[in-house]
ModelCIF file with pLDDT and N, C-alpha, C, O atoms, coordinates in Angstrom:
data_MODEL
#
_entry.id   MODEL 
#
_entity.id                         1 
_entity.type                       polymer 
_entity.pdbx_number_of_molecules   1 
#
_entity_poly.entity_id                      1 
_entity_poly.type                           'polypeptide(L)' 
_entity_poly.nstd_linkage                   no 
_entity_poly.nstd_monomer                   no 
_entity_poly.pdbx_seq_one_letter_code       IMDMGITRGVEIFVRKVAPLGDPVEVTVRGYELSLRKADAAMI 
_entity_poly.pdbx_seq_one_letter_code_can   IMDMGITRGVEIFVRKVAPLGDPVEVTVRGYELSLRKADAAMI 
_entity_poly.pdbx_strand_id                 A 
#
loop_
_entity_poly_seq.entity_id 
_entity_poly_seq.num 
_entity_poly_seq.mon_id 
_entity_poly_seq.hetero 
1 1  ILE n 
1 2  MET n 
1 3  ASP n 
1 4  MET n 
1 5  GLY n 
1 6  ILE n 
1 7  THR n 
1 8  ARG n 
1 9  GLY n 
1 10 VAL n 
1 11 GLU n 
1 12 ILE n 
1 13 PHE n 
1 14 VAL n 
1 15 ARG n 
1 16 LYS n 
1 17 VAL n 
1 18 ALA n 
1 19 PRO n 
1 20 LEU n 
1 21 GLY n 
1 22 ASP n 
1 23 PRO n 
1 24 VAL n 
1 25 GLU n 
1 26 VAL n 
1 27 THR n 
1 28 VAL n 
1 29 ARG n 
1 30 GLY n 
1 31 TYR n 
1 32 GLU n 
1 33 LEU n 
1 34 SER n 
1 35 LEU n 
1 36 ARG n 
1 37 LYS n 
1 38 ALA n 
1 39 ASP n 
1 40 ALA n 
1 41 ALA n 
1 42 MET n 
1 43 ILE n 
#
_struct_asym.id          A 
_struct_asym.entity_id   1 
#
loop_
_ma_qa_metric.id 
_ma_qa_metric.mode 
_ma_qa_metric.name 
_ma_qa_metric.software_group_id 
_ma_qa_metric.type 
1 global pLDDT . pLDDT 
2 local  pLDDT . pLDDT 
#
_ma_qa_metric_global.metric_id      1 
_ma_qa_metric_global.metric_value   91.05 
_ma_qa_metric_global.model_id       1 
_ma_qa_metric_global.ordinal_id     1 
#
loop_
_ma_qa_metric_local.label_asym_id 
_ma_qa_metric_local.label_comp_id 
_ma_qa_metric_local.label_seq_id 
_ma_qa_metric_local.metric_id 
_ma_qa_metric_local.metric_value 
_ma_qa_metric_local.model_id 
_ma_qa_metric_local.ordinal_id 
A ILE 1  2 91.00 1 1  
A MET 2  2 92.00 1 2  
A ASP 3  2 92.00 1 3  
A MET 4  2 91.00 1 4  
A GLY 5  2 92.00 1 5  
A ILE 6  2 94.00 1 6  
A THR 7  2 93.00 1 7  
A ARG 8  2 94.00 1 8  
A GLY 9  2 95.00 1 9  
A VAL 10 2 96.00 1 10 
A GLU 11 2 96.00 1 11 
A ILE 12 2 96.00 1 12 
A PHE 13 2 97.00 1 13 
A VAL 14 2 95.00 1 14 
A ARG 15 2 94.00 1 15 
A LYS 16 2 92.00 1 16 
A VAL 17 2 88.00 1 17 
A ALA 18 2 86.00 1 18 
A PRO 19 2 82.00 1 19 
A LEU 20 2 77.00 1 20 
A GLY 21 2 65.00 1 21 
A ASP 22 2 79.00 1 22 
A PRO 23 2 90.00 1 23 
A VAL 24 2 91.00 1 24 
A GLU 25 2 94.00 1 25 
A VAL 26 2 95.00 1 26 
A THR 27 2 95.00 1 27 
A VAL 28 2 95.00 1 28 
A ARG 29 2 93.00 1 29 
A GLY 30 2 93.00 1 30 
A TYR 31 2 94.00 1 31 
A GLU 32 2 94.00 1 32 
A LEU 33 2 93.00 1 33 
A SER 34 2 93.00 1 34 
A LEU 35 2 91.00 1 35 
A ARG 36 2 90.00 1 36 
A LYS 37 2 89.00 1 37 
A ALA 38 2 89.00 1 38 
A ASP 39 2 90.00 1 39 
A ALA 40 2 91.00 1 40 
A ALA 41 2 91.00 1 41 
A MET 42 2 93.00 1 42 
A ILE 43 2 94.00 1 43 
#
loop_
_atom_site.group_PDB 
_atom_site.id 
_atom_site.type_symbol 
_atom_site.label_atom_id 
_atom_site.label_alt_id 
_atom_site.label_comp_id 
_atom_site.label_asym_id 
_atom_site.label_entity_id 
_atom_site.label_seq_id 
_atom_site.pdbx_PDB_ins_code 
_atom_site.Cartn_x 
_atom_site.Cartn_y 
_atom_site.Cartn_z 
_atom_site.occupancy 
_atom_site.B_iso_or_equiv 
_atom_site.pdbx_formal_charge 
_atom_site.auth_seq_id 
_atom_site.auth_comp_id 
_atom_site.auth_asym_id 
_atom_site.auth_atom_id 
_atom_site.pdbx_PDB_model_num 
ATOM 1   N N  . ILE A 1 1  ? -2.479  -7.663 -3.740 1.00 91.00 ? 1  ILE A N  1 
ATOM 2   C CA . ILE A 1 1  ? -2.980  -6.351 -3.114 1.00 91.00 ? 1  ILE A CA 1 
ATOM 3   C C  . ILE A 1 1  ? -4.416  -6.175 -2.765 1.00 91.00 ? 1  ILE A C  1 
ATOM 4   O O  . ILE A 1 1  ? -4.882  -6.236 -1.627 1.00 91.00 ? 1  ILE A O  1 
ATOM 5   N N  . MET A 1 2  ? -4.997  -5.974 -3.756 1.00 92.00 ? 2  MET A N  1 
ATOM 6   C CA . MET A 1 2  ? -6.715  -6.571 -4.133 1.00 92.00 ? 2  MET A CA 1 
ATOM 7   C C  . MET A 1 2  ? -7.205  -7.458 -2.785 1.00 92.00 ? 2  MET A C  1 
ATOM 8   O O  . MET A 1 2  ? -8.185  -7.089 -2.139 1.00 92.00 ? 2  MET A O  1 
ATOM 9   N N  . ASP A 1 3  ? -6.537  -8.504 -2.468 1.00 92.00 ? 3  ASP A N  1 
ATOM 10  C CA . ASP A 1 3  ? -6.773  -9.631 -1.614 1.00 92.00 ? 3  ASP A CA 1 
ATOM 11  C C  . ASP A 1 3  ? -6.625  -9.220 -0.123 1.00 92.00 ? 3  ASP A C  1 
ATOM 12  O O  . ASP A 1 3  ? -7.282  -9.683 0.810  1.00 92.00 ? 3  ASP A O  1 
ATOM 13  N N  . MET A 1 4  ? -5.671  -8.293 -0.057 1.00 91.00 ? 4  MET A N  1 
ATOM 14  C CA . MET A 1 4  ? -5.665  -7.439 1.389  1.00 91.00 ? 4  MET A CA 1 
ATOM 15  C C  . MET A 1 4  ? -6.192  -6.133 1.658  1.00 91.00 ? 4  MET A C  1 
ATOM 16  O O  . MET A 1 4  ? -5.772  -5.258 2.415  1.00 91.00 ? 4  MET A O  1 
ATOM 17  N N  . GLY A 1 5  ? -7.660  -6.175 0.542  1.00 92.00 ? 5  GLY A N  1 
ATOM 18  C CA . GLY A 1 5  ? -8.323  -4.814 1.061  1.00 92.00 ? 5  GLY A CA 1 
ATOM 19  C C  . GLY A 1 5  ? -8.159  -3.700 0.334  1.00 92.00 ? 5  GLY A C  1 
ATOM 20  O O  . GLY A 1 5  ? -8.795  -2.655 0.471  1.00 92.00 ? 5  GLY A O  1 
ATOM 21  N N  . ILE A 1 6  ? -7.092  -3.980 -0.632 1.00 94.00 ? 6  ILE A N  1 
ATOM 22  C CA . ILE A 1 6  ? -6.635  -2.391 -1.163 1.00 94.00 ? 6  ILE A CA 1 
ATOM 23  C C  . ILE A 1 6  ? -7.026  -2.293 -2.677 1.00 94.00 ? 6  ILE A C  1 
ATOM 24  O O  . ILE A 1 6  ? -6.491  -2.656 -3.724 1.00 94.00 ? 6  ILE A O  1 
ATOM 25  N N  . THR A 1 7  ? -8.033  -1.734 -2.391 1.00 93.00 ? 7  THR A N  1 
ATOM 26  C CA . THR A 1 7  ? -8.840  -1.454 -3.772 1.00 93.00 ? 7  THR A CA 1 
ATOM 27  C C  . THR A 1 7  ? -8.900  0.515  -4.025 1.00 93.00 ? 7  THR A C  1 
ATOM 28  O O  . THR A 1 7  ? -8.747  1.283  -3.075 1.00 93.00 ? 7  THR A O  1 
ATOM 29  N N  . ARG A 1 8  ? -9.106  0.914  -5.233 1.00 94.00 ? 8  ARG A N  1 
ATOM 30  C CA . ARG A 1 8  ? -9.497  1.883  -5.949 1.00 94.00 ? 8  ARG A CA 1 
ATOM 31  C C  . ARG A 1 8  ? -10.606 2.830  -4.577 1.00 94.00 ? 8  ARG A C  1 
ATOM 32  O O  . ARG A 1 8  ? -11.668 2.393  -4.136 1.00 94.00 ? 8  ARG A O  1 
ATOM 33  N N  . GLY A 1 9  ? -10.006 4.025  -4.211 1.00 95.00 ? 9  GLY A N  1 
ATOM 34  C CA . GLY A 1 9  ? -11.241 4.863  -3.237 1.00 95.00 ? 9  GLY A CA 1 
ATOM 35  C C  . GLY A 1 9  ? -10.988 4.453  -2.013 1.00 95.00 ? 9  GLY A C  1 
ATOM 36  O O  . GLY A 1 9  ? -11.398 5.269  -1.189 1.00 95.00 ? 9  GLY A O  1 
ATOM 37  N N  . VAL A 1 10 ? -10.340 3.267  -1.418 1.00 96.00 ? 10 VAL A N  1 
ATOM 38  C CA . VAL A 1 10 ? -10.225 3.541  -0.033 1.00 96.00 ? 10 VAL A CA 1 
ATOM 39  C C  . VAL A 1 10 ? -9.093  4.011  0.389  1.00 96.00 ? 10 VAL A C  1 
ATOM 40  O O  . VAL A 1 10 ? -8.155  4.140  -0.398 1.00 96.00 ? 10 VAL A O  1 
ATOM 41  N N  . GLU A 1 11 ? -8.946  4.477  2.203  1.00 96.00 ? 11 GLU A N  1 
ATOM 42  C CA . GLU A 1 11 ? -8.467  5.358  2.709  1.00 96.00 ? 11 GLU A CA 1 
ATOM 43  C C  . GLU A 1 11 ? -7.109  4.404  3.457  1.00 96.00 ? 11 GLU A C  1 
ATOM 44  O O  . GLU A 1 11 ? -7.404  3.357  4.033  1.00 96.00 ? 11 GLU A O  1 
ATOM 45  N N  . ILE A 1 12 ? -5.452  4.915  3.383  1.00 96.00 ? 12 ILE A N  1 
ATOM 46  C CA . ILE A 1 12 ? -4.680  4.317  3.926  1.00 96.00 ? 12 ILE A CA 1 
ATOM 47  C C  . ILE A 1 12 ? -4.102  4.743  4.819  1.00 96.00 ? 12 ILE A C  1 
ATOM 48  O O  . ILE A 1 12 ? -3.566  5.766  4.396  1.00 96.00 ? 12 ILE A O  1 
ATOM 49  N N  . PHE A 1 13 ? -3.783  4.566  6.135  1.00 97.00 ? 13 PHE A N  1 
ATOM 50  C CA . PHE A 1 13 ? -3.203  5.278  6.756  1.00 97.00 ? 13 PHE A CA 1 
ATOM 51  C C  . PHE A 1 13 ? -1.767  4.327  7.262  1.00 97.00 ? 13 PHE A C  1 
ATOM 52  O O  . PHE A 1 13 ? -1.670  3.154  7.625  1.00 97.00 ? 13 PHE A O  1 
ATOM 53  N N  . VAL A 1 14 ? -0.517  5.669  7.058  1.00 95.00 ? 14 VAL A N  1 
ATOM 54  C CA . VAL A 1 14 ? 0.817   5.068  7.110  1.00 95.00 ? 14 VAL A CA 1 
ATOM 55  C C  . VAL A 1 14 ? 1.185   4.951  8.216  1.00 95.00 ? 14 VAL A C  1 
ATOM 56  O O  . VAL A 1 14 ? 1.634   6.049  8.547  1.00 95.00 ? 14 VAL A O  1 
ATOM 57  N N  . ARG A 1 15 ? 1.288   4.093  9.206  1.00 94.00 ? 15 ARG A N  1 
ATOM 58  C CA . ARG A 1 15 ? 2.095   3.548  10.402 1.00 94.00 ? 15 ARG A CA 1 
ATOM 59  C C  . ARG A 1 15 ? 2.977   3.996  10.426 1.00 94.00 ? 15 ARG A C  1 
ATOM 60  O O  . ARG A 1 15 ? 3.274   5.084  10.918 1.00 94.00 ? 15 ARG A O  1 
ATOM 61  N N  . LYS A 1 16 ? 3.912   2.880  9.632  1.00 92.00 ? 16 LYS A N  1 
ATOM 62  C CA . LYS A 1 16 ? 5.290   3.145  10.107 1.00 92.00 ? 16 LYS A CA 1 
ATOM 63  C C  . LYS A 1 16 ? 5.867   2.301  8.926  1.00 92.00 ? 16 LYS A C  1 
ATOM 64  O O  . LYS A 1 16 ? 5.470   1.283  8.360  1.00 92.00 ? 16 LYS A O  1 
ATOM 65  N N  . VAL A 1 17 ? 7.238   3.321  8.728  1.00 88.00 ? 17 VAL A N  1 
ATOM 66  C CA . VAL A 1 17 ? 8.053   2.504  7.546  1.00 88.00 ? 17 VAL A CA 1 
ATOM 67  C C  . VAL A 1 17 ? 9.599   2.242  7.923  1.00 88.00 ? 17 VAL A C  1 
ATOM 68  O O  . VAL A 1 17 ? 10.261  3.127  8.465  1.00 88.00 ? 17 VAL A O  1 
ATOM 69  N N  . ALA A 1 18 ? 10.049  1.191  7.662  1.00 86.00 ? 18 ALA A N  1 
ATOM 70  C CA . ALA A 1 18 ? 10.991  0.392  8.351  1.00 86.00 ? 18 ALA A CA 1 
ATOM 71  C C  . ALA A 1 18 ? 12.427  0.735  7.561  1.00 86.00 ? 18 ALA A C  1 
ATOM 72  O O  . ALA A 1 18 ? 12.722  0.472  6.396  1.00 86.00 ? 18 ALA A O  1 
ATOM 73  N N  . PRO A 1 19 ? 13.463  1.617  8.903  1.00 82.00 ? 19 PRO A N  1 
ATOM 74  C CA . PRO A 1 19 ? 14.781  2.288  8.194  1.00 82.00 ? 19 PRO A CA 1 
ATOM 75  C C  . PRO A 1 19 ? 15.179  2.277  6.759  1.00 82.00 ? 19 PRO A C  1 
ATOM 76  O O  . PRO A 1 19 ? 15.229  3.364  6.183  1.00 82.00 ? 19 PRO A O  1 
ATOM 77  N N  . LEU A 1 20 ? 15.510  1.034  6.016  1.00 77.00 ? 20 LEU A N  1 
ATOM 78  C CA . LEU A 1 20 ? 15.373  1.100  4.678  1.00 77.00 ? 20 LEU A CA 1 
ATOM 79  C C  . LEU A 1 20 ? 14.448  0.486  3.916  1.00 77.00 ? 20 LEU A C  1 
ATOM 80  O O  . LEU A 1 20 ? 14.495  -0.483 3.160  1.00 77.00 ? 20 LEU A O  1 
ATOM 81  N N  . GLY A 1 21 ? 13.197  1.578  4.412  1.00 65.00 ? 21 GLY A N  1 
ATOM 82  C CA . GLY A 1 21 ? 11.913  1.005  3.800  1.00 65.00 ? 21 GLY A CA 1 
ATOM 83  C C  . GLY A 1 21 ? 10.796  0.246  3.455  1.00 65.00 ? 21 GLY A C  1 
ATOM 84  O O  . GLY A 1 21 ? 9.717   0.630  3.003  1.00 65.00 ? 21 GLY A O  1 
ATOM 85  N N  . ASP A 1 22 ? 11.330  -1.294 3.820  1.00 79.00 ? 22 ASP A N  1 
ATOM 86  C CA . ASP A 1 22 ? 10.911  -2.321 3.458  1.00 79.00 ? 22 ASP A CA 1 
ATOM 87  C C  . ASP A 1 22 ? 10.667  -3.155 4.503  1.00 79.00 ? 22 ASP A C  1 
ATOM 88  O O  . ASP A 1 22 ? 11.314  -4.193 4.361  1.00 79.00 ? 22 ASP A O  1 
ATOM 89  N N  . PRO A 1 23 ? 9.709   -3.139 5.944  1.00 90.00 ? 23 PRO A N  1 
ATOM 90  C CA . PRO A 1 23 ? 8.198   -3.336 4.834  1.00 90.00 ? 23 PRO A CA 1 
ATOM 91  C C  . PRO A 1 23 ? 7.445   -1.654 5.508  1.00 90.00 ? 23 PRO A C  1 
ATOM 92  O O  . PRO A 1 23 ? 7.762   -0.874 6.407  1.00 90.00 ? 23 PRO A O  1 
ATOM 93  N N  . VAL A 1 24 ? 6.719   -1.697 4.835  1.00 91.00 ? 24 VAL A N  1 
ATOM 94  C CA . VAL A 1 24 ? 5.751   -0.296 4.952  1.00 91.00 ? 24 VAL A CA 1 
ATOM 95  C C  . VAL A 1 24 ? 4.638   -0.952 5.682  1.00 91.00 ? 24 VAL A C  1 
ATOM 96  O O  . VAL A 1 24 ? 3.992   -1.893 5.219  1.00 91.00 ? 24 VAL A O  1 
ATOM 97  N N  . GLU A 1 25 ? 4.436   -0.385 6.904  1.00 94.00 ? 25 GLU A N  1 
ATOM 98  C CA . GLU A 1 25 ? 3.139   -0.962 7.923  1.00 94.00 ? 25 GLU A CA 1 
ATOM 99  C C  . GLU A 1 25 ? 1.905   0.256  7.559  1.00 94.00 ? 25 GLU A C  1 
ATOM 100 O O  . GLU A 1 25 ? 2.082   1.467  7.693  1.00 94.00 ? 25 GLU A O  1 
ATOM 101 N N  . VAL A 1 26 ? 0.798   -0.315 7.134  1.00 95.00 ? 26 VAL A N  1 
ATOM 102 C CA . VAL A 1 26 ? -0.129  0.533  6.993  1.00 95.00 ? 26 VAL A CA 1 
ATOM 103 C C  . VAL A 1 26 ? -1.537  -0.043 7.532  1.00 95.00 ? 26 VAL A C  1 
ATOM 104 O O  . VAL A 1 26 ? -1.744  -1.240 7.727  1.00 95.00 ? 26 VAL A O  1 
ATOM 105 N N  . THR A 1 27 ? -2.464  0.979  7.741  1.00 95.00 ? 27 THR A N  1 
ATOM 106 C CA . THR A 1 27 ? -4.071  0.775  8.406  1.00 95.00 ? 27 THR A CA 1 
ATOM 107 C C  . THR A 1 27 ? -4.876  0.829  7.381  1.00 95.00 ? 27 THR A C  1 
ATOM 108 O O  . THR A 1 27 ? -4.977  1.880  6.749  1.00 95.00 ? 27 THR A O  1 
ATOM 109 N N  . VAL A 1 28 ? -5.670  -0.417 6.999  1.00 95.00 ? 28 VAL A N  1 
ATOM 110 C CA . VAL A 1 28 ? -6.565  -0.184 5.882  1.00 95.00 ? 28 VAL A CA 1 
ATOM 111 C C  . VAL A 1 28 ? -7.704  -0.975 6.158  1.00 95.00 ? 28 VAL A C  1 
ATOM 112 O O  . VAL A 1 28 ? -7.657  -2.202 6.079  1.00 95.00 ? 28 VAL A O  1 
ATOM 113 N N  . ARG A 1 29 ? -8.794  -0.310 6.499  1.00 93.00 ? 29 ARG A N  1 
ATOM 114 C CA . ARG A 1 29 ? -10.147 -0.950 6.581  1.00 93.00 ? 29 ARG A CA 1 
ATOM 115 C C  . ARG A 1 29 ? -10.154 -1.422 7.918  1.00 93.00 ? 29 ARG A C  1 
ATOM 116 O O  . ARG A 1 29 ? -10.864 -2.414 8.085  1.00 93.00 ? 29 ARG A O  1 
ATOM 117 N N  . GLY A 1 30 ? -9.527  -0.963 8.976  1.00 93.00 ? 30 GLY A N  1 
ATOM 118 C CA . GLY A 1 30 ? -9.093  -1.564 10.458 1.00 93.00 ? 30 GLY A CA 1 
ATOM 119 C C  . GLY A 1 30 ? -8.429  -2.062 10.578 1.00 93.00 ? 30 GLY A C  1 
ATOM 120 O O  . GLY A 1 30 ? -8.076  -1.957 11.753 1.00 93.00 ? 30 GLY A O  1 
ATOM 121 N N  . TYR A 1 31 ? -7.450  -3.145 9.710  1.00 94.00 ? 31 TYR A N  1 
ATOM 122 C CA . TYR A 1 31 ? -6.740  -4.148 9.795  1.00 94.00 ? 31 TYR A CA 1 
ATOM 123 C C  . TYR A 1 31 ? -5.525  -3.362 9.587  1.00 94.00 ? 31 TYR A C  1 
ATOM 124 O O  . TYR A 1 31 ? -5.465  -2.399 8.822  1.00 94.00 ? 31 TYR A O  1 
ATOM 125 N N  . GLU A 1 32 ? -4.119  -4.007 10.617 1.00 94.00 ? 32 GLU A N  1 
ATOM 126 C CA . GLU A 1 32 ? -2.926  -3.722 10.285 1.00 94.00 ? 32 GLU A CA 1 
ATOM 127 C C  . GLU A 1 32 ? -2.127  -4.667 9.245  1.00 94.00 ? 32 GLU A C  1 
ATOM 128 O O  . GLU A 1 32 ? -2.175  -5.895 9.312  1.00 94.00 ? 32 GLU A O  1 
ATOM 129 N N  . LEU A 1 33 ? -1.306  -3.876 8.169  1.00 93.00 ? 33 LEU A N  1 
ATOM 130 C CA . LEU A 1 33 ? -0.695  -4.793 7.127  1.00 93.00 ? 33 LEU A CA 1 
ATOM 131 C C  . LEU A 1 33 ? 0.491   -4.024 6.832  1.00 93.00 ? 33 LEU A C  1 
ATOM 132 O O  . LEU A 1 33 ? 0.718   -2.830 6.638  1.00 93.00 ? 33 LEU A O  1 
ATOM 133 N N  . SER A 1 34 ? 1.363   -5.375 6.867  1.00 93.00 ? 34 SER A N  1 
ATOM 134 C CA . SER A 1 34 ? 2.667   -5.040 6.231  1.00 93.00 ? 34 SER A CA 1 
ATOM 135 C C  . SER A 1 34 ? 2.708   -5.359 4.290  1.00 93.00 ? 34 SER A C  1 
ATOM 136 O O  . SER A 1 34 ? 2.318   -6.316 3.620  1.00 93.00 ? 34 SER A O  1 
ATOM 137 N N  . LEU A 1 35 ? 3.211   -4.364 4.009  1.00 91.00 ? 35 LEU A N  1 
ATOM 138 C CA . LEU A 1 35 ? 3.645   -4.394 2.408  1.00 91.00 ? 35 LEU A CA 1 
ATOM 139 C C  . LEU A 1 35 ? 4.914   -4.389 1.838  1.00 91.00 ? 35 LEU A C  1 
ATOM 140 O O  . LEU A 1 35 ? 5.676   -3.533 2.287  1.00 91.00 ? 35 LEU A O  1 
ATOM 141 N N  . ARG A 1 36 ? 5.251   -4.971 1.145  1.00 90.00 ? 36 ARG A N  1 
ATOM 142 C CA . ARG A 1 36 ? 6.517   -4.910 0.989  1.00 90.00 ? 36 ARG A CA 1 
ATOM 143 C C  . ARG A 1 36 ? 6.622   -3.558 0.042  1.00 90.00 ? 36 ARG A C  1 
ATOM 144 O O  . ARG A 1 36 ? 5.671   -3.008 -0.514 1.00 90.00 ? 36 ARG A O  1 
ATOM 145 N N  . LYS A 1 37 ? 8.461   -3.027 -0.023 1.00 89.00 ? 37 LYS A N  1 
ATOM 146 C CA . LYS A 1 37 ? 8.377   -2.048 -0.360 1.00 89.00 ? 37 LYS A CA 1 
ATOM 147 C C  . LYS A 1 37 ? 8.113   -1.741 -2.623 1.00 89.00 ? 37 LYS A C  1 
ATOM 148 O O  . LYS A 1 37 ? 7.829   -0.855 -3.429 1.00 89.00 ? 37 LYS A O  1 
ATOM 149 N N  . ALA A 1 38 ? 8.445   -3.071 -2.565 1.00 89.00 ? 38 ALA A N  1 
ATOM 150 C CA . ALA A 1 38 ? 7.699   -3.253 -4.247 1.00 89.00 ? 38 ALA A CA 1 
ATOM 151 C C  . ALA A 1 38 ? 6.293   -3.155 -4.659 1.00 89.00 ? 38 ALA A C  1 
ATOM 152 O O  . ALA A 1 38 ? 6.001   -2.582 -5.709 1.00 89.00 ? 38 ALA A O  1 
ATOM 153 N N  . ASP A 1 39 ? 5.281   -3.751 -3.791 1.00 90.00 ? 39 ASP A N  1 
ATOM 154 C CA . ASP A 1 39 ? 3.896   -3.431 -3.554 1.00 90.00 ? 39 ASP A CA 1 
ATOM 155 C C  . ASP A 1 39 ? 3.528   -1.831 -3.883 1.00 90.00 ? 39 ASP A C  1 
ATOM 156 O O  . ASP A 1 39 ? 3.131   -1.162 -4.838 1.00 90.00 ? 39 ASP A O  1 
ATOM 157 N N  . ALA A 1 40 ? 3.990   -1.608 -2.200 1.00 91.00 ? 40 ALA A N  1 
ATOM 158 C CA . ALA A 1 40 ? 3.754   -0.209 -2.144 1.00 91.00 ? 40 ALA A CA 1 
ATOM 159 C C  . ALA A 1 40 ? 3.952   1.084  -3.361 1.00 91.00 ? 40 ALA A C  1 
ATOM 160 O O  . ALA A 1 40 ? 3.374   2.170  -3.405 1.00 91.00 ? 40 ALA A O  1 
ATOM 161 N N  . ALA A 1 41 ? 5.030   0.487  -4.333 1.00 91.00 ? 41 ALA A N  1 
ATOM 162 C CA . ALA A 1 41 ? 5.669   1.463  -5.140 1.00 91.00 ? 41 ALA A CA 1 
ATOM 163 C C  . ALA A 1 41 ? 4.284   0.827  -6.377 1.00 91.00 ? 41 ALA A C  1 
ATOM 164 O O  . ALA A 1 41 ? 4.405   1.295  -7.510 1.00 91.00 ? 41 ALA A O  1 
ATOM 165 N N  . MET A 1 42 ? 3.268   0.000  -6.197 1.00 93.00 ? 42 MET A N  1 
ATOM 166 C CA . MET A 1 42 ? 2.424   -0.316 -7.283 1.00 93.00 ? 42 MET A CA 1 
ATOM 167 C C  . MET A 1 42 ? 1.111   0.074  -6.962 1.00 93.00 ? 42 MET A C  1 
ATOM 168 O O  . MET A 1 42 ? 0.170   -0.350 -7.633 1.00 93.00 ? 42 MET A O  1 
ATOM 169 N N  . ILE A 1 43 ? 0.887   1.077  -5.707 1.00 94.00 ? 43 ILE A N  1 
ATOM 170 C CA . ILE A 1 43 ? -0.240  1.662  -5.597 1.00 94.00 ? 43 ILE A CA 1 
ATOM 171 C C  . ILE A 1 43 ? -0.009  2.942  -5.655 1.00 94.00 ? 43 ILE A C  1 
ATOM 172 O O  . ILE A 1 43 ? -0.942  3.742  -5.572 1.00 94.00 ? 43 ILE A O  1 
#
């Protein structure tokens, strides 16, 4: 998670969530990322 640039204090924009909740697509520091539902639950 930290290697993706997600650290404390960072702003995340939630772009899209798949119908069943996996994956969650977000924008972090100008990069578009897809996170697994389990990983998103740890943030």
